[in-house]
Amino acid sequence: MPRRRDSSRVGAFGRAVREVRARRGMSQMGLGRAAGLHHNYVGAIERGEINPTLGTIDKLAVGLNMPLSELAAIYERNIAEDAGERRS
C-alpha cells in the first residue's frame, strides 16, 4: 500500500508541473530548455513515471519562473484533491 501512495504523490507532482506549464503556454521542450532538462525527462515527470530529486524540482521551478513554494502548493492541492476522491 505505501508504494501506491508514493506513486500517486509522484503523479500529483507531475500534474502540478503540467498544469503550470500549460497555463504559461510552454511546451515540454520549452520548459526543458528553460530548466536545463531534456524534454523527454520533463514528459516522464509529468506522466508520473519519474520521482524527481529536489535539485530537479528546483530546476523546474526556475524553468517555470516561479517560487518552488508555489509549485509545492499546487502539488499539495493535488494531493488533497486525490485524497478527497478516494474518500468519495
N, C-alpha and C. Protein backbone atom coordinates (compact mmCIF):
# COMPACT_ATOMS: atom_id res chain seq x y z
N MET A 1 0.80 -1.21 0.00
CA MET A 1 0.00 0.00 0.00
C MET A 1 0.85 1.28 0.00
N PRO A 2 1.90 1.42 0.80
CA PRO A 2 2.70 2.65 0.77
C PRO A 2 3.25 2.94 -0.62
N ARG A 3 3.55 1.90 -1.38
CA ARG A 3 4.09 2.12 -2.72
C ARG A 3 3.08 2.85 -3.59
N ARG A 4 1.82 2.49 -3.49
CA ARG A 4 0.77 3.15 -4.26
C ARG A 4 0.65 4.62 -3.86
N ARG A 5 0.73 4.91 -2.58
CA ARG A 5 0.65 6.28 -2.10
C ARG A 5 1.81 7.09 -2.68
N ASP A 6 3.01 6.52 -2.70
CA ASP A 6 4.16 7.21 -3.26
C ASP A 6 3.94 7.51 -4.73
N SER A 7 3.45 6.53 -5.48
CA SER A 7 3.27 6.76 -6.91
C SER A 7 2.19 7.80 -7.16
N SER A 8 1.17 7.86 -6.31
CA SER A 8 0.14 8.88 -6.51
C SER A 8 0.72 10.26 -6.21
N ARG A 9 1.67 10.33 -5.29
CA ARG A 9 2.32 11.61 -4.99
C ARG A 9 3.21 12.04 -6.15
N VAL A 10 3.89 11.10 -6.75
CA VAL A 10 4.71 11.42 -7.92
C VAL A 10 3.80 11.91 -9.05
N GLY A 11 2.67 11.26 -9.22
CA GLY A 11 1.71 11.69 -10.23
C GLY A 11 1.14 13.06 -9.93
N ALA A 12 0.87 13.34 -8.66
CA ALA A 12 0.35 14.66 -8.27
C ALA A 12 1.36 15.76 -8.57
N PHE A 13 2.64 15.46 -8.38
CA PHE A 13 3.66 16.46 -8.71
C PHE A 13 3.72 16.67 -10.21
N GLY A 14 3.68 15.59 -10.96
CA GLY A 14 3.71 15.70 -12.41
C GLY A 14 2.54 16.51 -12.95
N ARG A 15 1.36 16.31 -12.36
CA ARG A 15 0.20 17.09 -12.78
C ARG A 15 0.40 18.57 -12.45
N ALA A 16 1.04 18.86 -11.34
CA ALA A 16 1.32 20.26 -10.97
C ALA A 16 2.22 20.91 -12.01
N VAL A 17 3.26 20.21 -12.42
CA VAL A 17 4.18 20.74 -13.42
C VAL A 17 3.44 20.97 -14.73
N ARG A 18 2.66 19.98 -15.16
CA ARG A 18 1.92 20.08 -16.42
C ARG A 18 0.94 21.26 -16.38
N GLU A 19 0.24 21.41 -15.25
CA GLU A 19 -0.73 22.48 -15.12
C GLU A 19 -0.08 23.86 -15.28
N VAL A 20 1.01 24.08 -14.57
CA VAL A 20 1.68 25.38 -14.64
C VAL A 20 2.26 25.60 -16.04
N ARG A 21 2.90 24.57 -16.59
CA ARG A 21 3.50 24.70 -17.92
C ARG A 21 2.42 25.06 -18.94
N ALA A 22 1.29 24.39 -18.88
CA ALA A 22 0.21 24.65 -19.84
C ALA A 22 -0.37 26.06 -19.65
N ARG A 23 -0.55 26.47 -18.41
CA ARG A 23 -1.06 27.82 -18.14
C ARG A 23 -0.14 28.89 -18.72
N ARG A 24 1.15 28.59 -18.74
CA ARG A 24 2.12 29.55 -19.26
C ARG A 24 2.33 29.42 -20.76
N GLY A 25 1.62 28.48 -21.36
CA GLY A 25 1.74 28.29 -22.80
C GLY A 25 3.08 27.74 -23.24
N MET A 26 3.72 27.00 -22.36
CA MET A 26 5.03 26.42 -22.67
C MET A 26 4.88 24.99 -23.16
N SER A 27 5.74 24.60 -24.06
CA SER A 27 5.82 23.20 -24.46
C SER A 27 6.76 22.48 -23.49
N GLN A 28 6.75 21.16 -23.55
CA GLN A 28 7.71 20.40 -22.75
C GLN A 28 9.13 20.74 -23.18
N MET A 29 9.31 20.95 -24.46
CA MET A 29 10.64 21.30 -24.96
C MET A 29 11.06 22.66 -24.41
N GLY A 30 10.14 23.62 -24.41
CA GLY A 30 10.45 24.95 -23.88
C GLY A 30 10.78 24.91 -22.40
N LEU A 31 10.02 24.14 -21.64
CA LEU A 31 10.31 24.01 -20.22
C LEU A 31 11.65 23.31 -20.03
N GLY A 32 11.89 22.29 -20.81
CA GLY A 32 13.17 21.59 -20.72
C GLY A 32 14.34 22.52 -20.94
N ARG A 33 14.24 23.34 -21.97
CA ARG A 33 15.32 24.30 -22.24
C ARG A 33 15.49 25.28 -21.08
N ALA A 34 14.37 25.82 -20.60
CA ALA A 34 14.43 26.82 -19.52
C ALA A 34 14.95 26.22 -18.22
N ALA A 35 14.69 24.93 -18.02
CA ALA A 35 15.09 24.26 -16.77
C ALA A 35 16.42 23.53 -16.89
N GLY A 36 16.95 23.41 -18.10
CA GLY A 36 18.18 22.66 -18.29
C GLY A 36 17.96 21.16 -18.19
N LEU A 37 16.78 20.71 -18.64
CA LEU A 37 16.43 19.29 -18.61
C LEU A 37 16.01 18.86 -20.01
N HIS A 38 16.14 17.60 -20.32
CA HIS A 38 15.69 17.09 -21.61
C HIS A 38 14.16 17.06 -21.62
N HIS A 39 13.56 17.40 -22.75
CA HIS A 39 12.10 17.44 -22.82
C HIS A 39 11.46 16.07 -22.57
N ASN A 40 12.15 15.00 -22.93
CA ASN A 40 11.62 13.66 -22.62
C ASN A 40 11.56 13.42 -21.12
N TYR A 41 12.53 13.96 -20.41
CA TYR A 41 12.56 13.85 -18.95
C TYR A 41 11.41 14.64 -18.34
N VAL A 42 11.16 15.83 -18.88
CA VAL A 42 10.03 16.64 -18.41
C VAL A 42 8.73 15.86 -18.62
N GLY A 43 8.57 15.26 -19.78
CA GLY A 43 7.37 14.48 -20.07
C GLY A 43 7.20 13.31 -19.11
N ALA A 44 8.28 12.62 -18.80
CA ALA A 44 8.21 11.49 -17.88
C ALA A 44 7.83 11.96 -16.47
N ILE A 45 8.31 13.12 -16.07
CA ILE A 45 7.92 13.69 -14.77
C ILE A 45 6.42 13.99 -14.79
N GLU A 46 5.96 14.63 -15.84
CA GLU A 46 4.54 14.99 -15.94
C GLU A 46 3.64 13.76 -15.94
N ARG A 47 4.09 12.67 -16.50
CA ARG A 47 3.30 11.43 -16.52
C ARG A 47 3.41 10.65 -15.22
N GLY A 48 4.23 11.11 -14.30
CA GLY A 48 4.39 10.41 -13.02
C GLY A 48 5.26 9.18 -13.11
N GLU A 49 6.11 9.10 -14.13
CA GLU A 49 6.98 7.95 -14.31
C GLU A 49 8.30 8.08 -13.57
N ILE A 50 8.64 9.31 -13.20
CA ILE A 50 9.92 9.60 -12.55
C ILE A 50 9.67 10.36 -11.26
N ASN A 51 10.35 9.96 -10.21
CA ASN A 51 10.30 10.67 -8.93
C ASN A 51 11.50 11.62 -8.91
N PRO A 52 11.27 12.91 -9.21
CA PRO A 52 12.40 13.84 -9.36
C PRO A 52 13.08 14.16 -8.02
N THR A 53 14.36 14.46 -8.11
CA THR A 53 15.11 14.88 -6.93
C THR A 53 14.79 16.34 -6.62
N LEU A 54 15.20 16.78 -5.45
CA LEU A 54 14.99 18.17 -5.07
C LEU A 54 15.69 19.11 -6.06
N GLY A 55 16.86 18.73 -6.51
CA GLY A 55 17.57 19.55 -7.49
C GLY A 55 16.78 19.71 -8.78
N THR A 56 16.16 18.63 -9.23
CA THR A 56 15.34 18.68 -10.44
C THR A 56 14.09 19.51 -10.21
N ILE A 57 13.48 19.36 -9.05
CA ILE A 57 12.29 20.16 -8.72
C ILE A 57 12.64 21.64 -8.72
N ASP A 58 13.80 21.97 -8.19
CA ASP A 58 14.24 23.36 -8.18
C ASP A 58 14.45 23.87 -9.61
N LYS A 59 15.05 23.04 -10.47
CA LYS A 59 15.26 23.43 -11.87
C LYS A 59 13.92 23.67 -12.56
N LEU A 60 12.94 22.83 -12.26
CA LEU A 60 11.62 23.00 -12.87
C LEU A 60 10.98 24.32 -12.41
N ALA A 61 11.09 24.63 -11.13
CA ALA A 61 10.54 25.89 -10.62
C ALA A 61 11.22 27.08 -11.30
N VAL A 62 12.53 27.02 -11.46
CA VAL A 62 13.25 28.09 -12.15
C VAL A 62 12.77 28.17 -13.60
N GLY A 63 12.66 27.03 -14.26
CA GLY A 63 12.21 27.00 -15.65
C GLY A 63 10.79 27.52 -15.82
N LEU A 64 9.97 27.31 -14.80
CA LEU A 64 8.60 27.81 -14.82
C LEU A 64 8.50 29.24 -14.31
N ASN A 65 9.64 29.78 -13.90
CA ASN A 65 9.72 31.16 -13.40
C ASN A 65 8.76 31.39 -12.23
N MET A 66 8.88 30.50 -11.24
CA MET A 66 8.02 30.60 -10.07
C MET A 66 8.77 30.11 -8.84
N PRO A 67 8.36 30.58 -7.67
CA PRO A 67 8.99 30.07 -6.46
C PRO A 67 8.67 28.58 -6.28
N LEU A 68 9.64 27.85 -5.79
CA LEU A 68 9.42 26.43 -5.54
C LEU A 68 8.24 26.23 -4.60
N SER A 69 8.06 27.14 -3.65
CA SER A 69 6.95 27.03 -2.69
C SER A 69 5.59 27.09 -3.40
N GLU A 70 5.50 27.85 -4.47
CA GLU A 70 4.24 27.94 -5.21
C GLU A 70 3.97 26.63 -5.95
N LEU A 71 5.01 26.06 -6.53
CA LEU A 71 4.86 24.76 -7.20
C LEU A 71 4.48 23.70 -6.17
N ALA A 72 5.09 23.76 -4.99
CA ALA A 72 4.75 22.81 -3.92
C ALA A 72 3.30 22.97 -3.48
N ALA A 73 2.80 24.19 -3.44
CA ALA A 73 1.41 24.43 -3.04
C ALA A 73 0.44 23.79 -4.03
N ILE A 74 0.75 23.86 -5.32
CA ILE A 74 -0.10 23.22 -6.33
C ILE A 74 -0.04 21.70 -6.17
N TYR A 75 1.14 21.18 -5.92
CA TYR A 75 1.31 19.75 -5.65
C TYR A 75 0.47 19.34 -4.45
N GLU A 76 0.53 20.10 -3.37
CA GLU A 76 -0.24 19.77 -2.16
C GLU A 76 -1.74 19.84 -2.42
N ARG A 77 -2.18 20.78 -3.24
CA ARG A 77 -3.59 20.85 -3.61
C ARG A 77 -4.00 19.58 -4.35
N ASN A 78 -3.14 19.11 -5.26
CA ASN A 78 -3.42 17.88 -5.99
C ASN A 78 -3.52 16.68 -5.05
N ILE A 79 -2.64 16.63 -4.06
CA ILE A 79 -2.69 15.54 -3.07
C ILE A 79 -4.02 15.57 -2.33
N ALA A 80 -4.44 16.76 -1.90
CA ALA A 80 -5.70 16.91 -1.16
C ALA A 80 -6.89 16.50 -2.03
N GLU A 81 -6.86 16.90 -3.30
CA GLU A 81 -7.94 16.52 -4.21
C GLU A 81 -7.97 15.01 -4.41
N ASP A 82 -6.80 14.40 -4.55
CA ASP A 82 -6.73 12.94 -4.70
C ASP A 82 -7.30 12.24 -3.47
N ALA A 83 -6.96 12.75 -2.29
CA ALA A 83 -7.46 12.14 -1.04
C ALA A 83 -8.97 12.28 -0.96
N GLY A 84 -9.50 13.41 -1.39
CA GLY A 84 -10.95 13.61 -1.39
C GLY A 84 -11.66 12.66 -2.34
N GLU A 85 -11.06 12.39 -3.48
CA GLU A 85 -11.63 11.47 -4.44
C GLU A 85 -11.65 10.05 -3.90
N ARG A 86 -10.62 9.67 -3.15
CA ARG A 86 -10.56 8.32 -2.58
C ARG A 86 -11.61 8.13 -1.49
N ARG A 87 -11.94 9.20 -0.78
CA ARG A 87 -12.95 9.11 0.30
C ARG A 87 -14.35 9.03 -0.25
N SER A 88 -14.58 9.58 -1.43
CA SER A 88 -15.94 9.62 -2.00
C SER A 88 -16.41 8.28 -2.44
